[in-house]
Amino acid sequence: MTTTMRVLSLTTTDWRSFYQSQMTALERVDVEVTTLPVPSEHRALEDDVRRRTPLDYARYLPHVLREARGDYDLVHANYGLTAPFAVAASALPRAELPVVCTLWGGEYRDNPFAPLIERFAARADRIVVPSNAMADRVDRSCRVVPFPVDTEQFHPISRAEAREHVGWTTDERIVLFPYAPSREEKNYPLANRVVDGLEGDVSLRTVANQPYEDVPYYLNAADAVLITSRFESGPMTIKEAAACNTPVVSRDVGFAREVLADVENSYVADDDAALRDRLADVLETAEPSDGRARITGYGTDEMGARLRAVYERCLENATSS
């Protein structure tokens, strides 16, 4: 019989779809998680970015230390900015909690706190990353545990039904940029240039901060999803769109090439012209992809088993040391 583990999870964004999927994955393998998010929020709006302040993180520390005195087996820092707090929790008298740290990918990109993150992440017992591309950027051994896609949530829906649900006109070709334009790393100007260069009537739509349950409808409502990010550790949208059989055209970032390698009617390209040509091909064929059949291995069950194995190894080492 599997023993239930109790994990204190620290995170900056507990509302993101991939974090919610992680919670589902852990629940299925008898891991009981208590999530403690950083106060306030960091969220990209359509034309601005709402940011946390240093005071929000200062307020976070006593919450973490107080909660860490509970009955937990280990503490899991989700995103590098929570690593210092996880390490502080592990050092409490009589706590001695092992620390697992998941690096999401944006920690070391134009981040003034990167040196602090690196110093505290180095003190974690185990490092987890979501992709091989991210593993190549981490200067220590780490375990690749891909973010899962919930194929029950993300599944094909008829385009007419999806467009009716989100309120989009049903007779135009729509390319979806699935982020707020204000997120500089997502490179909206490139997406706009690519779509502007297409022949015929094509609309570029953006979607950000929609309810999680509506995201599959937006993905299914689009003729194609366009990813123009400057850098990524993912992005999860590629897996989610693939699960919906929605074609994806993406720059060669994160795990885009790995996920889309064998997917029909989806492409990876890098320069403006190649992105435009590939997107034109997708729109001309007007066919779905076969991504859903190609994303085996990215489910919640697989992630749960892999993360639990990381936890168990941590606890074994803690017991033997």
Protein backbone atom coordinates (compact mmCIF):
# COMPACT_ATOMS: atom_id res chain seq x y z
CA MET A 1 0.00 0.00 0.00
CA THR A 2 1.33 3.45 -0.95
CA THR A 3 2.10 5.76 1.95
CA THR A 4 0.60 9.23 1.70
CA MET A 5 3.20 12.01 1.51
CA ARG A 6 2.58 15.53 2.74
CA VAL A 7 4.23 18.29 0.74
CA LEU A 8 4.34 22.03 1.31
CA SER A 9 4.36 23.65 -2.12
CA LEU A 10 5.58 27.23 -2.53
CA THR A 11 4.70 28.98 -5.77
CA THR A 12 4.41 32.38 -7.39
CA THR A 13 1.39 31.48 -9.55
CA ASP A 14 -0.93 28.78 -8.29
CA TRP A 15 -3.55 29.71 -10.92
CA ARG A 16 -1.53 28.61 -13.97
CA SER A 17 -2.89 25.60 -15.82
CA PHE A 18 0.33 23.59 -15.60
CA TYR A 19 0.49 24.09 -11.84
CA GLN A 20 -3.12 22.99 -11.44
CA SER A 21 -2.34 19.92 -13.55
CA GLN A 22 0.61 19.16 -11.28
CA MET A 23 -1.67 19.22 -8.26
CA THR A 24 -4.01 16.76 -9.97
CA ALA A 25 -1.07 14.53 -10.87
CA LEU A 26 0.20 14.42 -7.29
CA GLU A 27 -3.22 13.76 -5.84
CA ARG A 28 -3.47 10.65 -8.03
CA VAL A 29 -0.27 9.21 -6.52
CA ASP A 30 -1.19 9.82 -2.87
CA VAL A 31 0.69 13.06 -2.38
CA GLU A 32 -1.21 15.56 -0.25
CA VAL A 33 -0.18 19.10 -1.20
CA THR A 34 -0.67 22.33 0.69
CA THR A 35 -0.04 25.30 -1.61
CA LEU A 36 1.27 28.56 -0.23
CA PRO A 37 1.34 31.24 -2.96
CA VAL A 38 3.29 34.49 -2.73
CA PRO A 39 0.96 37.37 -1.71
CA SER A 40 -0.47 39.65 -4.40
CA GLU A 41 0.12 38.57 -8.00
CA HIS A 42 2.30 38.96 -11.05
CA ARG A 43 0.03 38.94 -14.09
CA ALA A 44 0.29 40.21 -17.64
CA LEU A 45 -2.72 42.29 -18.69
CA GLU A 46 -3.52 43.23 -22.27
CA ASP A 47 -1.41 46.40 -22.25
CA ASP A 48 0.46 46.29 -18.96
CA VAL A 49 2.08 43.92 -16.45
CA ARG A 50 0.94 43.90 -12.83
CA ARG A 51 4.00 43.18 -10.70
CA ARG A 52 4.68 42.17 -7.12
CA THR A 53 6.85 44.34 -4.90
CA PRO A 54 9.72 43.37 -2.57
CA LEU A 55 7.29 44.01 0.29
CA ASP A 56 5.07 41.17 -0.96
CA TYR A 57 8.01 38.76 -0.70
CA ALA A 58 8.94 40.14 2.74
CA ARG A 59 5.37 39.39 3.87
CA TYR A 60 5.69 35.89 2.46
CA LEU A 61 8.56 34.73 4.69
CA PRO A 62 6.69 34.59 8.03
CA HIS A 63 3.80 32.77 6.35
CA VAL A 64 6.19 30.13 5.02
CA LEU A 65 8.02 29.67 8.31
CA ARG A 66 4.78 29.36 10.24
CA GLU A 67 3.27 26.83 7.81
CA ALA A 68 6.50 24.80 7.60
CA ARG A 69 6.14 23.91 11.27
CA GLY A 70 3.25 21.66 10.27
CA ASP A 71 3.43 17.95 9.57
CA TYR A 72 5.21 17.88 6.19
CA ASP A 73 7.64 15.42 4.60
CA LEU A 74 9.30 17.96 2.33
CA VAL A 75 8.98 21.41 0.78
CA HIS A 76 8.72 21.96 -2.97
CA ALA A 77 9.71 25.34 -4.42
CA ASN A 78 7.85 25.90 -7.69
CA TYR A 79 9.73 28.62 -9.60
CA GLY A 80 13.15 29.86 -8.57
CA LEU A 81 11.99 32.93 -6.67
CA THR A 82 10.48 30.67 -4.01
CA ALA A 83 13.74 28.72 -3.50
CA PRO A 84 15.10 31.04 -0.77
CA PHE A 85 11.89 30.58 1.21
CA ALA A 86 11.99 26.79 0.82
CA VAL A 87 15.58 26.71 2.06
CA ALA A 88 14.64 28.92 5.02
CA ALA A 89 11.77 26.55 5.87
CA SER A 90 14.06 23.52 5.67
CA ALA A 91 16.42 25.08 8.21
CA LEU A 92 13.82 25.46 10.96
CA PRO A 93 14.67 23.62 14.20
CA ARG A 94 13.16 20.11 14.18
CA ALA A 95 11.89 20.61 10.63
CA GLU A 96 14.89 19.62 8.47
CA LEU A 97 12.66 19.31 5.43
CA PRO A 98 14.27 18.15 2.19
CA VAL A 99 13.90 20.72 -0.60
CA VAL A 100 12.83 20.05 -4.18
CA CYS A 101 13.04 23.01 -6.55
CA THR A 102 11.33 23.17 -9.94
CA LEU A 103 12.80 25.78 -12.28
CA TRP A 104 10.19 26.91 -14.80
CA GLY A 105 12.47 28.60 -17.30
CA GLY A 106 12.19 32.35 -16.85
CA GLU A 107 14.35 32.55 -13.72
CA TYR A 108 17.62 33.36 -15.48
CA ARG A 109 16.35 35.55 -18.32
CA ASP A 110 16.87 39.28 -17.67
CA ASN A 111 16.14 38.67 -14.00
CA PRO A 112 17.98 40.89 -11.50
CA PHE A 113 17.46 38.20 -8.86
CA ALA A 114 19.12 35.43 -10.91
CA PRO A 115 22.26 35.30 -8.71
CA LEU A 116 20.09 34.91 -5.60
CA ILE A 117 18.03 32.18 -7.25
CA GLU A 118 21.14 30.30 -8.36
CA ARG A 119 22.63 30.43 -4.86
CA PHE A 120 19.55 29.03 -3.16
CA ALA A 121 18.63 26.56 -5.91
CA ALA A 122 22.12 25.09 -5.44
CA ARG A 123 21.10 24.21 -1.87
CA ALA A 124 18.05 22.21 -2.95
CA ASP A 125 18.25 18.44 -2.59
CA ARG A 126 16.77 17.90 -6.05
CA ILE A 127 16.24 20.14 -9.08
CA VAL A 128 13.36 19.48 -11.47
CA VAL A 129 12.96 21.08 -14.90
CA PRO A 130 10.11 20.76 -17.43
CA SER A 131 12.14 20.19 -20.60
CA ASN A 132 15.48 19.07 -21.99
CA ALA A 133 16.01 22.62 -23.26
CA MET A 134 15.78 23.88 -19.69
CA ALA A 135 18.05 21.11 -18.40
CA ASP A 136 20.78 22.35 -20.74
CA ARG A 137 20.67 25.73 -19.01
CA VAL A 138 21.03 24.41 -15.46
CA ASP A 139 24.57 23.99 -14.17
CA ARG A 140 23.93 20.88 -12.06
CA SER A 141 22.25 17.51 -12.33
CA CYS A 142 18.48 17.72 -12.60
CA ARG A 143 15.45 15.56 -13.37
CA VAL A 144 13.33 16.35 -16.42
CA VAL A 145 9.65 16.04 -15.51
CA PRO A 146 7.52 17.44 -18.38
CA PHE A 147 4.53 19.55 -17.47
CA PRO A 148 1.41 17.46 -18.11
CA VAL A 149 -1.49 18.27 -20.37
CA ASP A 150 -4.93 17.30 -19.15
CA THR A 151 -6.36 15.53 -22.19
CA GLU A 152 -9.78 15.39 -20.57
CA GLN A 153 -9.82 19.18 -20.33
CA PHE A 154 -8.05 19.81 -23.64
CA HIS A 155 -9.77 17.85 -26.40
CA PRO A 156 -11.12 18.54 -29.91
CA ILE A 157 -14.30 20.62 -30.08
CA SER A 158 -16.00 21.55 -33.33
CA ARG A 159 -14.85 24.97 -34.51
CA ALA A 160 -18.42 26.22 -34.82
CA GLU A 161 -19.23 25.26 -31.23
CA ALA A 162 -15.97 26.72 -29.94
CA ARG A 163 -16.45 30.04 -31.76
CA GLU A 164 -20.00 30.34 -30.55
CA HIS A 165 -18.77 29.75 -26.99
CA VAL A 166 -16.09 32.49 -27.16
CA GLY A 167 -18.14 34.87 -29.30
CA TRP A 168 -15.96 34.92 -32.41
CA THR A 169 -17.25 35.41 -35.96
CA THR A 170 -17.51 32.00 -37.62
CA ASP A 171 -16.54 32.81 -41.22
CA GLU A 172 -13.07 34.36 -40.85
CA ARG A 173 -9.65 32.76 -40.60
CA ILE A 174 -8.28 33.32 -37.10
CA VAL A 175 -4.72 32.92 -35.82
CA LEU A 176 -4.43 32.80 -32.04
CA PHE A 177 -1.60 34.47 -30.14
CA PRO A 178 -2.36 32.91 -26.74
CA TYR A 179 -0.81 35.57 -24.51
CA ALA A 180 -1.15 39.18 -23.48
CA PRO A 181 0.65 41.47 -25.96
CA SER A 182 2.28 43.17 -22.97
CA ARG A 183 4.48 40.12 -22.27
CA GLU A 184 7.69 41.17 -24.00
CA GLU A 185 9.21 37.69 -24.00
CA LYS A 186 6.25 36.39 -26.04
CA ASN A 187 7.15 38.81 -28.89
CA TYR A 188 3.74 40.00 -30.06
CA PRO A 189 5.25 42.42 -32.63
CA LEU A 190 6.70 39.43 -34.52
CA ALA A 191 3.36 37.64 -34.50
CA ASN A 192 1.69 40.79 -35.80
CA ARG A 193 4.25 41.13 -38.62
CA VAL A 194 3.85 37.49 -39.62
CA VAL A 195 0.06 37.69 -39.86
CA ASP A 196 0.15 41.09 -41.57
CA GLY A 197 2.30 39.51 -44.29
CA LEU A 198 -0.28 36.83 -45.14
CA GLU A 199 -2.47 37.09 -48.19
CA GLY A 200 -6.22 37.35 -47.76
CA ASP A 201 -8.29 38.17 -44.73
CA VAL A 202 -6.68 36.74 -41.59
CA SER A 203 -7.38 37.96 -38.06
CA LEU A 204 -4.82 37.80 -35.25
CA ARG A 205 -6.54 37.38 -31.89
CA THR A 206 -4.94 37.50 -28.43
CA VAL A 207 -6.16 35.73 -25.34
CA ALA A 208 -4.96 36.28 -21.79
CA ASN A 209 -6.34 35.74 -18.28
CA GLN A 210 -9.40 33.85 -19.43
CA PRO A 211 -10.94 31.26 -17.09
CA TYR A 212 -9.06 27.99 -17.31
CA GLU A 213 -12.17 26.09 -18.39
CA ASP A 214 -12.56 28.39 -21.41
CA VAL A 215 -9.01 27.97 -22.77
CA PRO A 216 -9.81 24.76 -24.74
CA TYR A 217 -12.59 26.64 -26.52
CA TYR A 218 -10.21 29.40 -27.63
CA LEU A 219 -7.70 26.85 -28.89
CA ASN A 220 -10.38 24.97 -30.84
CA ALA A 221 -11.87 28.20 -32.19
CA ALA A 222 -8.60 29.13 -33.92
CA ASP A 223 -7.46 27.97 -37.34
CA ALA A 224 -3.92 27.95 -35.98
CA VAL A 225 -1.89 28.89 -32.90
CA LEU A 226 1.19 31.07 -33.45
CA ILE A 227 4.11 31.03 -30.97
CA THR A 228 6.75 33.73 -31.56
CA SER A 229 8.44 33.79 -28.14
CA ARG A 230 12.01 34.98 -27.74
CA PHE A 231 12.61 32.19 -25.21
CA GLU A 232 10.59 29.49 -23.44
CA SER A 233 10.98 26.51 -21.16
CA GLY A 234 7.70 25.26 -22.67
CA PRO A 235 5.30 26.64 -23.67
CA MET A 236 2.41 24.56 -22.37
CA THR A 237 0.12 26.06 -25.01
CA ILE A 238 1.85 23.87 -27.62
CA LYS A 239 0.87 20.67 -25.79
CA GLU A 240 -2.62 21.98 -25.08
CA ALA A 241 -3.21 22.96 -28.71
CA ALA A 242 -1.85 19.61 -29.87
CA ALA A 243 -4.30 17.83 -27.56
CA CYS A 244 -7.07 19.76 -29.31
CA ASN A 245 -5.70 18.86 -32.77
CA THR A 246 -5.24 22.57 -33.47
CA PRO A 247 -2.28 23.29 -35.80
CA VAL A 248 0.67 25.11 -34.25
CA VAL A 249 3.38 27.20 -35.92
CA SER A 250 6.18 28.05 -33.52
CA ARG A 251 9.66 29.43 -33.29
CA ASP A 252 12.28 26.91 -32.17
CA VAL A 253 11.94 27.61 -28.46
CA GLY A 254 11.59 25.42 -25.39
CA PHE A 255 10.16 22.01 -26.19
CA ALA A 256 8.43 23.14 -29.41
CA ARG A 257 10.58 20.99 -31.70
CA GLU A 258 10.42 18.00 -29.35
CA VAL A 259 6.61 18.06 -29.09
CA LEU A 260 5.84 18.93 -32.71
CA ALA A 261 8.47 16.71 -34.37
CA ASP A 262 5.97 14.11 -35.61
CA VAL A 263 2.79 16.21 -35.64
CA GLU A 264 1.16 16.70 -39.05
CA ASN A 265 0.17 20.20 -40.14
CA SER A 266 2.25 21.86 -37.40
CA TYR A 267 5.68 23.40 -37.87
CA VAL A 268 8.74 24.86 -36.19
CA ALA A 269 10.48 27.76 -37.95
CA ASP A 270 12.64 30.67 -36.88
CA ASP A 271 12.69 33.70 -39.17
CA ASP A 272 9.79 35.91 -40.19
CA ALA A 273 9.53 34.53 -43.72
CA ALA A 274 9.58 30.87 -42.66
CA LEU A 275 6.95 31.47 -39.97
CA ARG A 276 4.74 33.28 -42.49
CA ASP A 277 5.15 30.56 -45.13
CA ARG A 278 4.40 27.75 -42.71
CA LEU A 279 1.39 29.57 -41.31
CA ALA A 280 0.13 30.17 -44.85
CA ASP A 281 0.45 26.43 -45.52
CA VAL A 282 -1.60 25.59 -42.43
CA LEU A 283 -4.33 28.07 -43.31
CA GLU A 284 -4.45 26.89 -46.92
CA THR A 285 -4.94 23.23 -46.01
CA ALA A 286 -7.57 24.14 -43.39
CA GLU A 287 -7.00 20.72 -41.84
CA PRO A 288 -6.57 19.82 -38.17
CA SER A 289 -3.33 18.42 -36.85
CA ASP A 290 -2.93 14.93 -35.44
CA GLY A 291 -1.29 16.22 -32.29
CA ARG A 292 -3.56 14.43 -29.85
CA ALA A 293 -2.27 11.04 -30.99
CA ARG A 294 1.34 12.24 -30.67
CA ILE A 295 1.48 13.63 -27.13
CA THR A 296 1.57 10.37 -25.20
CA GLY A 297 3.93 10.60 -22.26
CA TYR A 298 2.79 14.09 -21.28
CA GLY A 299 -0.19 13.04 -19.14
CA THR A 300 -0.90 13.75 -15.51
CA ASP A 301 -0.35 10.13 -14.47
CA GLU A 302 3.17 10.14 -15.89
CA MET A 303 4.04 13.39 -14.14
CA GLY A 304 2.65 12.20 -10.82
CA ALA A 305 4.74 9.03 -10.90
CA ARG A 306 7.91 10.92 -11.85
CA LEU A 307 7.49 13.60 -9.19
CA ARG A 308 6.67 11.07 -6.49
CA ALA A 309 9.85 9.18 -7.42
CA VAL A 310 11.84 12.43 -6.95
CA TYR A 311 10.23 12.95 -3.55
CA GLU A 312 10.91 9.38 -2.46
CA ARG A 313 14.56 9.65 -3.43
CA CYS A 314 14.86 12.86 -1.41
CA LEU A 315 13.37 11.23 1.66
CA GLU A 316 15.57 8.14 1.30
CA ASN A 317 18.68 10.30 1.19
CA ALA A 318 17.51 12.36 4.15
CA THR A 319 16.96 9.20 6.20
CA SER A 320 20.33 7.69 5.34
CA SER A 321 22.36 10.85 5.92
